[in-house]
Amino acid sequence: MVQVECTRFKVKEGKSAVVDEWLQFLNDNMKDVLVTLEGEKMYVETILREHKDGSEYLYWYSVQGPGGIDVEESTHWIDVKHLAYWDKCIDNTFRPEELTPAVVMIPQRVRQVMQ
């Protein structure tokens, strides 16, 4: 069974430029990023960015299959650097907000490939 998640995280005050650097790092190294998704059984992962009411937020949207490893378990250099950016940028005093999927629209032919 695939797991669909969307979670909102708050960016630490004054870290917007580091977030720019982080997202550029991921885009510049997409070939290696995609390799790490294989072990996580991550079929889709998207980071969305929002500026609202004077604060900045990042949303992680993902579609993941069963049995994948957690990014925290990875020793791949991309994941190590990704988590270092996370520690620099994500405000751990803000409780992440899980959005509840109301409708998941994935065609059957795509679902079959995900299993």
PDB file of N, CA and C in Angstrom:
ATOM      1  N   MET A   1       0.847  -1.190   0.000  1.00  0.00           N
ATOM      2  CA  MET A   1       0.000   0.000   0.000  1.00  0.00           C
ATOM      3  C   MET A   1       0.885   1.243   0.000  1.00  0.00           C
ATOM      4  N   VAL A   2       0.597   2.173  -0.869  1.00  0.00           N
ATOM      5  CA  VAL A   2       1.383   3.408  -0.903  1.00  0.00           C
ATOM      6  C   VAL A   2       0.925   4.354   0.196  1.00  0.00           C
ATOM      7  N   GLN A   3       1.868   5.147   0.674  1.00  0.00           N
ATOM      8  CA  GLN A   3       1.591   6.134   1.710  1.00  0.00           C
ATOM      9  C   GLN A   3       1.756   7.521   1.091  1.00  0.00           C
ATOM     10  N   VAL A   4       0.717   8.332   1.204  1.00  0.00           N
ATOM     11  CA  VAL A   4       0.741   9.691   0.675  1.00  0.00           C
ATOM     12  C   VAL A   4       0.762  10.644   1.857  1.00  0.00           C
ATOM     13  N   GLU A   5       1.753  11.543   1.860  1.00  0.00           N
ATOM     14  CA  GLU A   5       1.890  12.494   2.961  1.00  0.00           C
ATOM     15  C   GLU A   5       2.160  13.894   2.435  1.00  0.00           C
ATOM     16  N   CYS A   6       1.696  14.859   3.197  1.00  0.00           N
ATOM     17  CA  CYS A   6       2.053  16.253   2.971  1.00  0.00           C
ATOM     18  C   CYS A   6       2.204  16.887   4.352  1.00  0.00           C
ATOM     19  N   THR A   7       3.401  17.385   4.641  1.00  0.00           N
ATOM     20  CA  THR A   7       3.704  17.923   5.960  1.00  0.00           C
ATOM     21  C   THR A   7       4.311  19.310   5.824  1.00  0.00           C
ATOM     22  N   ARG A   8       3.884  20.207   6.689  1.00  0.00           N
ATOM     23  CA  ARG A   8       4.379  21.583   6.689  1.00  0.00           C
ATOM     24  C   ARG A   8       5.361  21.772   7.832  1.00  0.00           C
ATOM     25  N   PHE A   9       6.536  22.325   7.510  1.00  0.00           N
ATOM     26  CA  PHE A   9       7.573  22.629   8.482  1.00  0.00           C
ATOM     27  C   PHE A   9       7.893  24.116   8.410  1.00  0.00           C
ATOM     28  N   LYS A  10       8.190  24.704   9.547  1.00  0.00           N
ATOM     29  CA  LYS A  10       8.533  26.126   9.590  1.00  0.00           C
ATOM     30  C   LYS A  10      10.042  26.292   9.470  1.00  0.00           C
ATOM     31  N   VAL A  11      10.433  27.280   8.679  1.00  0.00           N
ATOM     32  CA  VAL A  11      11.841  27.616   8.505  1.00  0.00           C
ATOM     33  C   VAL A  11      12.260  28.555   9.639  1.00  0.00           C
ATOM     34  N   LYS A  12      13.458  28.333  10.160  1.00  0.00           N
ATOM     35  CA  LYS A  12      13.991  29.214  11.199  1.00  0.00           C
ATOM     36  C   LYS A  12      14.104  30.640  10.671  1.00  0.00           C
ATOM     37  N   GLU A  13      13.843  31.586  11.543  1.00  0.00           N
ATOM     38  CA  GLU A  13      13.952  33.005  11.200  1.00  0.00           C
ATOM     39  C   GLU A  13      15.353  33.304  10.662  1.00  0.00           C
ATOM     40  N   GLY A  14      15.422  34.026   9.563  1.00  0.00           N
ATOM     41  CA  GLY A  14      16.701  34.447   9.005  1.00  0.00           C
ATOM     42  C   GLY A  14      17.428  33.393   8.180  1.00  0.00           C
ATOM     43  N   LYS A  15      16.798  32.282   7.902  1.00  0.00           N
ATOM     44  CA  LYS A  15      17.462  31.189   7.178  1.00  0.00           C
ATOM     45  C   LYS A  15      17.000  31.047   5.728  1.00  0.00           C
ATOM     46  N   SER A  16      16.301  32.033   5.211  1.00  0.00           N
ATOM     47  CA  SER A  16      15.775  31.952   3.849  1.00  0.00           C
ATOM     48  C   SER A  16      16.885  31.774   2.810  1.00  0.00           C
ATOM     49  N   ALA A  17      17.999  32.472   2.975  1.00  0.00           N
ATOM     50  CA  ALA A  17      19.107  32.341   2.025  1.00  0.00           C
ATOM     51  C   ALA A  17      19.713  30.942   2.089  1.00  0.00           C
ATOM     52  N   VAL A  18      19.748  30.339   3.269  1.00  0.00           N
ATOM     53  CA  VAL A  18      20.269  28.974   3.401  1.00  0.00           C
ATOM     54  C   VAL A  18      19.290  27.992   2.759  1.00  0.00           C
ATOM     55  N   VAL A  19      17.990  28.265   2.866  1.00  0.00           N
ATOM     56  CA  VAL A  19      16.997  27.433   2.184  1.00  0.00           C
ATOM     57  C   VAL A  19      17.201  27.524   0.671  1.00  0.00           C
ATOM     58  N   ASP A  20      17.463  28.735   0.164  1.00  0.00           N
ATOM     59  CA  ASP A  20      17.765  28.887  -1.269  1.00  0.00           C
ATOM     60  C   ASP A  20      18.922  27.974  -1.663  1.00  0.00           C
ATOM     61  N   GLU A  21      19.975  28.003  -0.860  1.00  0.00           N
ATOM     62  CA  GLU A  21      21.170  27.189  -1.108  1.00  0.00           C
ATOM     63  C   GLU A  21      20.833  25.700  -1.057  1.00  0.00           C
ATOM     64  N   TRP A  22      20.032  25.302  -0.069  1.00  0.00           N
ATOM     65  CA  TRP A  22      19.629  23.909   0.119  1.00  0.00           C
ATOM     66  C   TRP A  22      18.857  23.386  -1.090  1.00  0.00           C
ATOM     67  N   LEU A  23      17.860  24.145  -1.508  1.00  0.00           N
ATOM     68  CA  LEU A  23      17.037  23.711  -2.630  1.00  0.00           C
ATOM     69  C   LEU A  23      17.842  23.683  -3.923  1.00  0.00           C
ATOM     70  N   GLN A  24      18.761  24.637  -4.082  1.00  0.00           N
ATOM     71  CA  GLN A  24      19.633  24.645  -5.252  1.00  0.00           C
ATOM     72  C   GLN A  24      20.563  23.427  -5.230  1.00  0.00           C
ATOM     73  N   PHE A  25      21.071  23.091  -4.049  1.00  0.00           N
ATOM     74  CA  PHE A  25      21.907  21.892  -3.884  1.00  0.00           C
ATOM     75  C   PHE A  25      21.151  20.639  -4.350  1.00  0.00           C
ATOM     76  N   LEU A  26      19.903  20.502  -3.923  1.00  0.00           N
ATOM     77  CA  LEU A  26      19.111  19.338  -4.328  1.00  0.00           C
ATOM     78  C   LEU A  26      18.894  19.329  -5.842  1.00  0.00           C
ATOM     79  N   ASN A  27      18.550  20.478  -6.403  1.00  0.00           N
ATOM     80  CA  ASN A  27      18.344  20.560  -7.851  1.00  0.00           C
ATOM     81  C   ASN A  27      19.629  20.289  -8.628  1.00  0.00           C
ATOM     82  N   ASP A  28      20.756  20.807  -8.138  1.00  0.00           N
ATOM     83  CA  ASP A  28      22.038  20.624  -8.824  1.00  0.00           C
ATOM     84  C   ASP A  28      22.534  19.182  -8.763  1.00  0.00           C
ATOM     85  N   ASN A  29      22.084  18.433  -7.779  1.00  0.00           N
ATOM     86  CA  ASN A  29      22.546  17.054  -7.581  1.00  0.00           C
ATOM     87  C   ASN A  29      21.415  16.043  -7.756  1.00  0.00           C
ATOM     88  N   MET A  30      20.473  16.361  -8.626  1.00  0.00           N
ATOM     89  CA  MET A  30      19.282  15.545  -8.772  1.00  0.00           C
ATOM     90  C   MET A  30      19.593  14.090  -9.131  1.00  0.00           C
ATOM     91  N   LYS A  31      20.620  13.850  -9.912  1.00  0.00           N
ATOM     92  CA  LYS A  31      20.965  12.472 -10.278  1.00  0.00           C
ATOM     93  C   LYS A  31      21.211  11.635  -9.019  1.00  0.00           C
ATOM     94  N   ASP A  32      21.985  12.153  -8.080  1.00  0.00           N
ATOM     95  CA  ASP A  32      22.260  11.433  -6.836  1.00  0.00           C
ATOM     96  C   ASP A  32      21.058  11.433  -5.904  1.00  0.00           C
ATOM     97  N   VAL A  33      20.290  12.505  -5.898  1.00  0.00           N
ATOM     98  CA  VAL A  33      19.073  12.552  -5.085  1.00  0.00           C
ATOM     99  C   VAL A  33      18.144  11.413  -5.487  1.00  0.00           C
ATOM    100  N   LEU A  34      17.963  11.230  -6.782  1.00  0.00           N
ATOM    101  CA  LEU A  34      17.058  10.190  -7.267  1.00  0.00           C
ATOM    102  C   LEU A  34      17.552   8.796  -6.897  1.00  0.00           C
ATOM    103  N   VAL A  35      18.869   8.602  -6.818  1.00  0.00           N
ATOM    104  CA  VAL A  35      19.416   7.316  -6.390  1.00  0.00           C
ATOM    105  C   VAL A  35      18.984   7.018  -4.957  1.00  0.00           C
ATOM    106  N   THR A  36      19.025   8.019  -4.081  1.00  0.00           N
ATOM    107  CA  THR A  36      18.671   7.792  -2.676  1.00  0.00           C
ATOM    108  C   THR A  36      17.188   7.484  -2.509  1.00  0.00           C
ATOM    109  N   LEU A  37      16.356   7.999  -3.403  1.00  0.00           N
ATOM    110  CA  LEU A  37      14.914   7.738  -3.307  1.00  0.00           C
ATOM    111  C   LEU A  37      14.593   6.267  -3.517  1.00  0.00           C
ATOM    112  N   GLU A  38      15.419   5.585  -4.284  1.00  0.00           N
ATOM    113  CA  GLU A  38      15.196   4.156  -4.537  1.00  0.00           C
ATOM    114  C   GLU A  38      15.155   3.368  -3.232  1.00  0.00           C
ATOM    115  N   GLY A  39      16.152   3.572  -2.366  1.00  0.00           N
ATOM    116  CA  GLY A  39      16.215   2.844  -1.101  1.00  0.00           C
ATOM    117  C   GLY A  39      15.089   3.189  -0.154  1.00  0.00           C
ATOM    118  N   GLU A  40      14.560   4.399  -0.307  1.00  0.00           N
ATOM    119  CA  GLU A  40      13.451   4.845   0.534  1.00  0.00           C
ATOM    120  C   GLU A  40      12.101   4.369   0.005  1.00  0.00           C
ATOM    121  N   LYS A  41      12.116   3.754  -1.177  1.00  0.00           N
ATOM    122  CA  LYS A  41      10.876   3.371  -1.873  1.00  0.00           C
ATOM    123  C   LYS A  41       9.988   4.600  -2.084  1.00  0.00           C
ATOM    124  N   MET A  42      10.656   5.727  -2.336  1.00  0.00           N
ATOM    125  CA  MET A  42       9.977   7.001  -2.528  1.00  0.00           C
ATOM    126  C   MET A  42       9.695   7.169  -4.015  1.00  0.00           C
ATOM    127  N   TYR A  43       8.419   7.139  -4.375  1.00  0.00           N
ATOM    128  CA  TYR A  43       8.032   7.252  -5.769  1.00  0.00           C
ATOM    129  C   TYR A  43       7.937   8.700  -6.212  1.00  0.00           C
ATOM    130  N   VAL A  44       7.480   9.559  -5.318  1.00  0.00           N
ATOM    131  CA  VAL A  44       7.366  10.989  -5.597  1.00  0.00           C
ATOM    132  C   VAL A  44       7.731  11.726  -4.326  1.00  0.00           C
ATOM    133  N   GLU A  45       8.591  12.723  -4.458  1.00  0.00           N
ATOM    134  CA  GLU A  45       8.865  13.608  -3.330  1.00  0.00           C
ATOM    135  C   GLU A  45       9.008  15.015  -3.888  1.00  0.00           C
ATOM    136  N   THR A  46       8.248  15.908  -3.337  1.00  0.00           N
ATOM    137  CA  THR A  46       8.229  17.294  -3.797  1.00  0.00           C
ATOM    138  C   THR A  46       8.337  18.199  -2.588  1.00  0.00           C
ATOM    139  N   ILE A  47       9.179  19.223  -2.690  1.00  0.00           N
ATOM    140  CA  ILE A  47       9.277  20.232  -1.633  1.00  0.00           C
ATOM    141  C   ILE A  47       8.643  21.501  -2.177  1.00  0.00           C
ATOM    142  N   LEU A  48       7.672  22.007  -1.450  1.00  0.00           N
ATOM    143  CA  LEU A  48       6.974  23.246  -1.809  1.00  0.00           C
ATOM    144  C   LEU A  48       7.366  24.316  -0.796  1.00  0.00           C
ATOM    145  N   ARG A  49       7.371  25.546  -1.237  1.00  0.00           N
ATOM    146  CA  ARG A  49       7.815  26.653  -0.385  1.00  0.00           C
ATOM    147  C   ARG A  49       6.708  27.696  -0.294  1.00  0.00           C
ATOM    148  N   GLU A  50       6.525  28.228   0.916  1.00  0.00           N
ATOM    149  CA  GLU A  50       5.480  29.230   1.132  1.00  0.00           C
ATOM    150  C   GLU A  50       5.994  30.316   2.078  1.00  0.00           C
ATOM    151  N   HIS A  51       5.675  31.558   1.737  1.00  0.00           N
ATOM    152  CA  HIS A  51       5.898  32.702   2.626  1.00  0.00           C
ATOM    153  C   HIS A  51       4.512  33.196   3.014  1.00  0.00           C
ATOM    154  N   LYS A  52       4.224  33.185   4.338  1.00  0.00           N
ATOM    155  CA  LYS A  52       2.889  33.550   4.790  1.00  0.00           C
ATOM    156  C   LYS A  52       2.974  34.242   6.146  1.00  0.00           C
ATOM    157  N   ASP A  53       2.313  35.379   6.256  1.00  0.00           N
ATOM    158  CA  ASP A  53       2.227  36.109   7.520  1.00  0.00           C
ATOM    159  C   ASP A  53       3.600  36.337   8.159  1.00  0.00           C
ATOM    160  N   GLY A  54       4.589  36.662   7.337  1.00  0.00           N
ATOM    161  CA  GLY A  54       5.917  36.971   7.843  1.00  0.00           C
ATOM    162  C   GLY A  54       6.777  35.764   8.169  1.00  0.00           C
ATOM    163  N   SER A  55       6.288  34.560   7.913  1.00  0.00           N
ATOM    164  CA  SER A  55       7.060  33.349   8.172  1.00  0.00           C
ATOM    165  C   SER A  55       7.237  32.577   6.874  1.00  0.00           C
ATOM    166  N   GLU A  56       8.212  31.695   6.894  1.00  0.00           N
ATOM    167  CA  GLU A  56       8.468  30.848   5.730  1.00  0.00           C
ATOM    168  C   GLU A  56       8.246  29.393   6.120  1.00  0.00           C
ATOM    169  N   TYR A  57       7.662  28.634   5.203  1.00  0.00           N
ATOM    170  CA  TYR A  57       7.356  27.224   5.444  1.00  0.00           C
ATOM    171  C   TYR A  57       7.812  26.391   4.251  1.00  0.00           C
ATOM    172  N   LEU A  58       8.193  25.160   4.542  1.00  0.00           N
ATOM    173  CA  LEU A  58       8.453  24.172   3.510  1.00  0.00           C
ATOM    174  C   LEU A  58       7.471  23.031   3.715  1.00  0.00           C
ATOM    175  N   TYR A  59       6.917  22.573   2.628  1.00  0.00           N
ATOM    176  CA  TYR A  59       5.999  21.436   2.647  1.00  0.00           C
ATOM    177  C   TYR A  59       6.668  20.278   1.929  1.00  0.00           C
ATOM    178  N   TRP A  60       6.599  19.105   2.525  1.00  0.00           N
ATOM    179  CA  TRP A  60       7.066  17.884   1.869  1.00  0.00           C
ATOM    180  C   TRP A  60       5.834  17.094   1.468  1.00  0.00           C
ATOM    181  N   TYR A  61       5.717  16.856   0.160  1.00  0.00           N
ATOM    182  CA  TYR A  61       4.663  16.003  -0.371  1.00  0.00           C
ATOM    183  C   TYR A  61       5.347  14.741  -0.878  1.00  0.00           C
ATOM    184  N   SER A  62       4.828  13.581  -0.474  1.00  0.00           N
ATOM    185  CA  SER A  62       5.474  12.344  -0.910  1.00  0.00           C
ATOM    186  C   SER A  62       4.477  11.227  -1.135  1.00  0.00           C
ATOM    187  N   VAL A  63       4.875  10.344  -2.030  1.00  0.00           N
ATOM    188  CA  VAL A  63       4.171   9.084  -2.270  1.00  0.00           C
ATOM    189  C   VAL A  63       5.242   8.012  -2.118  1.00  0.00           C
ATOM    190  N   GLN A  64       5.057   7.155  -1.113  1.00  0.00           N
ATOM    191  CA  GLN A  64       6.088   6.200  -0.753  1.00  0.00           C
ATOM    192  C   GLN A  64       5.503   4.792  -0.644  1.00  0.00           C
ATOM    193  N   GLY A  65       6.271   3.832  -1.089  1.00  0.00           N
ATOM    194  CA  GLY A  65       5.875   2.434  -0.973  1.00  0.00           C
ATOM    195  C   GLY A  65       6.314   1.851   0.361  1.00  0.00           C
ATOM    196  N   PRO A  66       5.841   0.657   0.654  1.00  0.00           N
ATOM    197  CA  PRO A  66       6.194   0.014   1.924  1.00  0.00           C
ATOM    198  C   PRO A  66       7.630  -0.503   1.928  1.00  0.00           C
ATOM    199  N   GLY A  67       8.240  -0.529   3.120  1.00  0.00           N
ATOM    200  CA  GLY A  67       9.531  -1.168   3.291  1.00  0.00           C
ATOM    201  C   GLY A  67      10.746  -0.323   2.965  1.00  0.00           C
ATOM    202  N   GLY A  68      10.556   0.964   2.736  1.00  0.00           N
ATOM    203  CA  GLY A  68      11.709   1.819   2.454  1.00  0.00           C
ATOM    204  C   GLY A  68      12.448   2.210   3.721  1.00  0.00           C
ATOM    205  N   ILE A  69      13.713   2.585   3.547  1.00  0.00           N
ATOM    206  CA  ILE A  69      14.485   3.036   4.706  1.00  0.00           C
ATOM    207  C   ILE A  69      14.181   4.509   4.973  1.00  0.00           C
ATOM    208  N   ASP A  70      14.365   4.942   6.207  1.00  0.00           N
ATOM    209  CA  ASP A  70      14.218   6.350   6.561  1.00  0.00           C
ATOM    210  C   ASP A  70      15.464   7.100   6.111  1.00  0.00           C
ATOM    211  N   VAL A  71      15.279   8.341   5.702  1.00  0.00           N
ATOM    212  CA  VAL A  71      16.411   9.152   5.257  1.00  0.00           C
ATOM    213  C   VAL A  71      17.472   9.253   6.360  1.00  0.00           C
ATOM    214  N   GLU A  72      17.034   9.226   7.621  1.00  0.00           N
ATOM    215  CA  GLU A  72      17.973   9.316   8.741  1.00  0.00           C
ATOM    216  C   GLU A  72      18.883   8.096   8.836  1.00  0.00           C
ATOM    217  N   GLU A  73      18.498   6.987   8.228  1.00  0.00           N
ATOM    218  CA  GLU A  73      19.294   5.763   8.240  1.00  0.00           C
ATOM    219  C   GLU A  73      20.332   5.735   7.113  1.00  0.00           C
ATOM    220  N   SER A  74      20.197   6.603   6.163  1.00  0.00           N
ATOM    221  CA  SER A  74      21.062   6.604   4.984  1.00  0.00           C
ATOM    222  C   SER A  74      22.453   7.154   5.317  1.00  0.00           C
ATOM    223  N   THR A  75      23.456   6.567   4.668  1.00  0.00           N
ATOM    224  CA  THR A  75      24.821   7.083   4.781  1.00  0.00           C
ATOM    225  C   THR A  75      25.277   7.716   3.471  1.00  0.00           C
ATOM    226  N   HIS A  76      24.389   7.814   2.508  1.00  0.00           N
ATOM    227  CA  HIS A  76      24.720   8.431   1.214  1.00  0.00           C
ATOM    228  C   HIS A  76      25.058   9.906   1.443  1.00  0.00           C
ATOM    229  N   TRP A  77      26.081  10.397   0.769  1.00  0.00           N
ATOM    230  CA  TRP A  77      26.547  11.769   0.998  1.00  0.00           C
ATOM    231  C   TRP A  77      25.447  12.803   0.754  1.00  0.00           C
ATOM    232  N   ILE A  78      24.569  12.556  -0.201  1.00  0.00           N
ATOM    233  CA  ILE A  78      23.468  13.493  -0.465  1.00  0.00           C
ATOM    234  C   ILE A  78      22.566  13.612   0.759  1.00  0.00           C
ATOM    235  N   ASP A  79      22.205  12.475   1.340  1.00  0.00           N
ATOM    236  CA  ASP A  79      21.310  12.489   2.499  1.00  0.00           C
ATOM    237  C   ASP A  79      21.983  13.113   3.722  1.00  0.00           C
ATOM    238  N   VAL A  80      23.269  12.858   3.894  1.00  0.00           N
ATOM    239  CA  VAL A  80      24.003  13.457   5.017  1.00  0.00           C
ATOM    240  C   VAL A  80      23.972  14.980   4.900  1.00  0.00           C
ATOM    241  N   LYS A  81      24.242  15.499   3.704  1.00  0.00           N
ATOM    242  CA  LYS A  81      24.228  16.961   3.501  1.00  0.00           C
ATOM    243  C   LYS A  81      22.794  17.503   3.590  1.00  0.00           C
ATOM    244  N   HIS A  82      21.845  16.758   3.051  1.00  0.00           N
ATOM    245  CA  HIS A  82      20.432  17.156   3.108  1.00  0.00           C
ATOM    246  C   HIS A  82      19.989  17.320   4.569  1.00  0.00           C
ATOM    247  N   LEU A  83      20.343  16.365   5.420  1.00  0.00           N
ATOM    248  CA  LEU A  83      19.970  16.441   6.838  1.00  0.00           C
ATOM    249  C   LEU A  83      20.720  17.553   7.566  1.00  0.00           C
ATOM    250  N   ALA A  84      21.925  17.862   7.128  1.00  0.00           N
ATOM    251  CA  ALA A  84      22.659  18.989   7.716  1.00  0.00           C
ATOM    252  C   ALA A  84      21.939  20.308   7.399  1.00  0.00           C
ATOM    253  N   TYR A  85      21.478  20.453   6.159  1.00  0.00           N
ATOM    254  CA  TYR A  85      20.674  21.634   5.806  1.00  0.00           C
ATOM    255  C   TYR A  85      19.393  21.662   6.644  1.00  0.00           C
ATOM    256  N   TRP A  86      18.765  20.507   6.803  1.00  0.00           N
ATOM    257  CA  TRP A  86      17.548  20.413   7.612  1.00  0.00           C
ATOM    258  C   TRP A  86      17.801  21.002   9.004  1.00  0.00           C
ATOM    259  N   ASP A  87      18.882  20.561   9.636  1.00  0.00           N
ATOM    260  CA  ASP A  87      19.204  21.031  10.987  1.00  0.00           C
ATOM    261  C   ASP A  87      19.444  22.538  11.028  1.00  0.00           C
ATOM    262  N   LYS A  88      20.033  23.082   9.969  1.00  0.00           N
ATOM    263  CA  LYS A  88      20.297  24.523   9.909  1.00  0.00           C
ATOM    264  C   LYS A  88      19.018  25.330   9.707  1.00  0.00           C
ATOM    265  N   CYS A  89      18.062  24.753   8.975  1.00  0.00           N
ATOM    266  CA  CYS A  89      16.936  25.550   8.478  1.00  0.00           C
ATOM    267  C   CYS A  89      15.583  25.300   9.127  1.00  0.00           C
ATOM    268  N   ILE A  90      15.310  24.096   9.579  1.00  0.00           N
ATOM    269  CA  ILE A  90      13.966  23.769  10.058  1.00  0.00           C
ATOM    270  C   ILE A  90      13.848  24.071  11.549  1.00  0.00           C
ATOM    271  N   ASP A  91      12.808  24.808  11.894  1.00  0.00           N
ATOM    272  CA  ASP A  91      12.536  25.212  13.273  1.00  0.00           C
ATOM    273  C   ASP A  91      11.914  24.037  14.030  1.00  0.00           C
ATOM    274  N   ASN A  92      12.710  23.417  14.906  1.00  0.00           N
ATOM    275  CA  ASN A  92      12.200  22.248  15.623  1.00  0.00           C
ATOM    276  C   ASN A  92      11.316  22.614  16.813  1.00  0.00           C
ATOM    277  N   THR A  93      11.113  23.914  17.055  1.00  0.00           N
ATOM    278  CA  THR A  93      10.161  24.324  18.100  1.00  0.00           C
ATOM    279  C   THR A  93       8.744  24.411  17.533  1.00  0.00           C
ATOM    280  N   PHE A  94       8.625  24.382  16.219  1.00  0.00           N
ATOM    281  CA  PHE A  94       7.327  24.409  15.544  1.00  0.00           C
ATOM    282  C   PHE A  94       6.888  22.965  15.299  1.00  0.00           C
ATOM    283  N   ARG A  95       5.708  22.645  15.759  1.00  0.00           N
ATOM    284  CA  ARG A  95       5.184  21.291  15.556  1.00  0.00           C
ATOM    285  C   ARG A  95       4.785  21.128  14.092  1.00  0.00           C
ATOM    286  N   PRO A  96       5.408  20.170  13.372  1.00  0.00           N
ATOM    287  CA  PRO A  96       5.050  19.966  11.963  1.00  0.00           C
ATOM    288  C   PRO A  96       3.549  19.713  11.815  1.00  0.00           C
ATOM    289  N   GLU A  97       2.997  20.229  10.747  1.00  0.00           N
ATOM    290  CA  GLU A  97       1.564  20.071  10.491  1.00  0.00           C
ATOM    291  C   GLU A  97       1.353  19.060   9.378  1.00  0.00           C
ATOM    292  N   GLU A  98       0.714  17.955   9.737  1.00  0.00           N
ATOM    293  CA  GLU A  98       0.387  16.909   8.769  1.00  0.00           C
ATOM    294  C   GLU A  98      -0.950  17.263   8.108  1.00  0.00           C
ATOM    295  N   LEU A  99      -0.943  17.358   6.801  1.00  0.00           N
ATOM    296  CA  LEU A  99      -2.180  17.567   6.070  1.00  0.00           C
ATOM    297  C   LEU A  99      -2.750  16.193   5.738  1.00  0.00           C
ATOM    298  N   THR A 100      -4.040  16.036   5.849  1.00  0.00           N
ATOM    299  CA  THR A 100      -4.685  14.747   5.635  1.00  0.00           C
ATOM    300  C   THR A 100      -5.139  14.624   4.186  1.00  0.00           C
ATOM    301  N   PRO A 101      -4.651  13.597   3.476  1.00  0.00           N
ATOM    302  CA  PRO A 101      -5.133  13.402   2.113  1.00  0.00           C
ATOM    303  C   PRO A 101      -6.630  13.102   2.122  1.00  0.00           C
ATOM    304  N   ALA A 102      -7.380  13.818   1.321  1.00  0.00           N
ATOM    305  CA  ALA A 102      -8.820  13.599   1.227  1.00  0.00           C
ATOM    306  C   ALA A 102      -9.153  12.707   0.031  1.00  0.00           C
ATOM    307  N   VAL A 103      -8.379  12.839  -1.025  1.00  0.00           N
ATOM    308  CA  VAL A 103      -8.554  12.035  -2.231  1.00  0.00           C
ATOM    309  C   VAL A 103      -7.166  11.760  -2.798  1.00  0.00           C
ATOM    310  N   VAL A 104      -6.881  10.524  -3.102  1.00  0.00           N
ATOM    311  CA  VAL A 104      -5.611  10.156  -3.727  1.00  0.00           C
ATOM    312  C   VAL A 104      -5.926   9.642  -5.122  1.00  0.00           C
ATOM    313  N   MET A 105      -5.452  10.347  -6.118  1.00  0.00           N
ATOM    314  CA  MET A 105      -5.749   9.995  -7.508  1.00  0.00           C
ATOM    315  C   MET A 105      -4.485   9.494  -8.192  1.00  0.00           C
ATOM    316  N   ILE A 106      -4.341   8.185  -8.213  1.00  0.00           N
ATOM    317  CA  ILE A 106      -3.218   7.542  -8.881  1.00  0.00           C
ATOM    318  C   ILE A 106      -3.803   6.474  -9.795  1.00  0.00           C
ATOM    319  N   PRO A 107      -3.609   6.610 -11.096  1.00  0.00           N
ATOM    320  CA  PRO A 107      -4.159   5.612 -12.013  1.00  0.00           C
ATOM    321  C   PRO A 107      -3.668   4.202 -11.672  1.00  0.00           C
ATOM    322  N   GLN A 108      -4.502   3.224 -11.934  1.00  0.00           N
ATOM    323  CA  GLN A 108      -4.184   1.834 -11.604  1.00  0.00           C
ATOM    324  C   GLN A 108      -2.878   1.381 -12.238  1.00  0.00           C
ATOM    325  N   ARG A 109      -2.618   1.770 -13.472  1.00  0.00           N
ATOM    326  CA  ARG A 109      -1.384   1.349 -14.138  1.00  0.00           C
ATOM    327  C   ARG A 109      -0.150   1.899 -13.427  1.00  0.00           C
ATOM    328  N   VAL A 110      -0.272   3.066 -12.822  1.00  0.00           N
ATOM    329  CA  VAL A 110       0.835   3.643 -12.063  1.00  0.00           C
ATOM    330  C   VAL A 110       0.954   2.939 -10.704  1.00  0.00           C
ATOM    331  N   ARG A 111      -0.167   2.675 -10.056  1.00  0.00           N
ATOM    332  CA  ARG A 111      -0.159   1.945  -8.773  1.00  0.00           C
ATOM    333  C   ARG A 111       0.512   0.573  -8.923  1.00  0.00           C
ATOM    334  N   GLN A 112       0.244  -0.096 -10.022  1.00  0.00           N
ATOM    335  CA  GLN A 112       0.834  -1.420 -10.242  1.00  0.00           C
ATOM    336  C   GLN A 112       2.357  -1.350 -10.293  1.00  0.00           C
ATOM    337  N   VAL A 113       2.892  -0.314 -10.868  1.00  0.00           N
ATOM    338  CA  VAL A 113       4.341  -0.140 -10.939  1.00  0.00           C
ATOM    339  C   VAL A 113       4.913   0.157  -9.542  1.00  0.00           C
ATOM    340  N   MET A 114       4.127   0.777  -8.697  1.00  0.00           N
ATOM    341  CA  MET A 114       4.580   1.167  -7.359  1.00  0.00           C
ATOM    342  C   MET A 114       4.668  -0.001  -6.388  1.00  0.00           C
ATOM    343  N   GLN A 115       4.121  -1.122  -6.738  1.00  0.00           N
ATOM    344  CA  GLN A 115       4.087  -2.243  -5.780  1.00  0.00           C
ATOM    345  C   GLN A 115       5.221  -3.186  -5.933  1.00  0.00           C
TER     346      GLN A 115
END
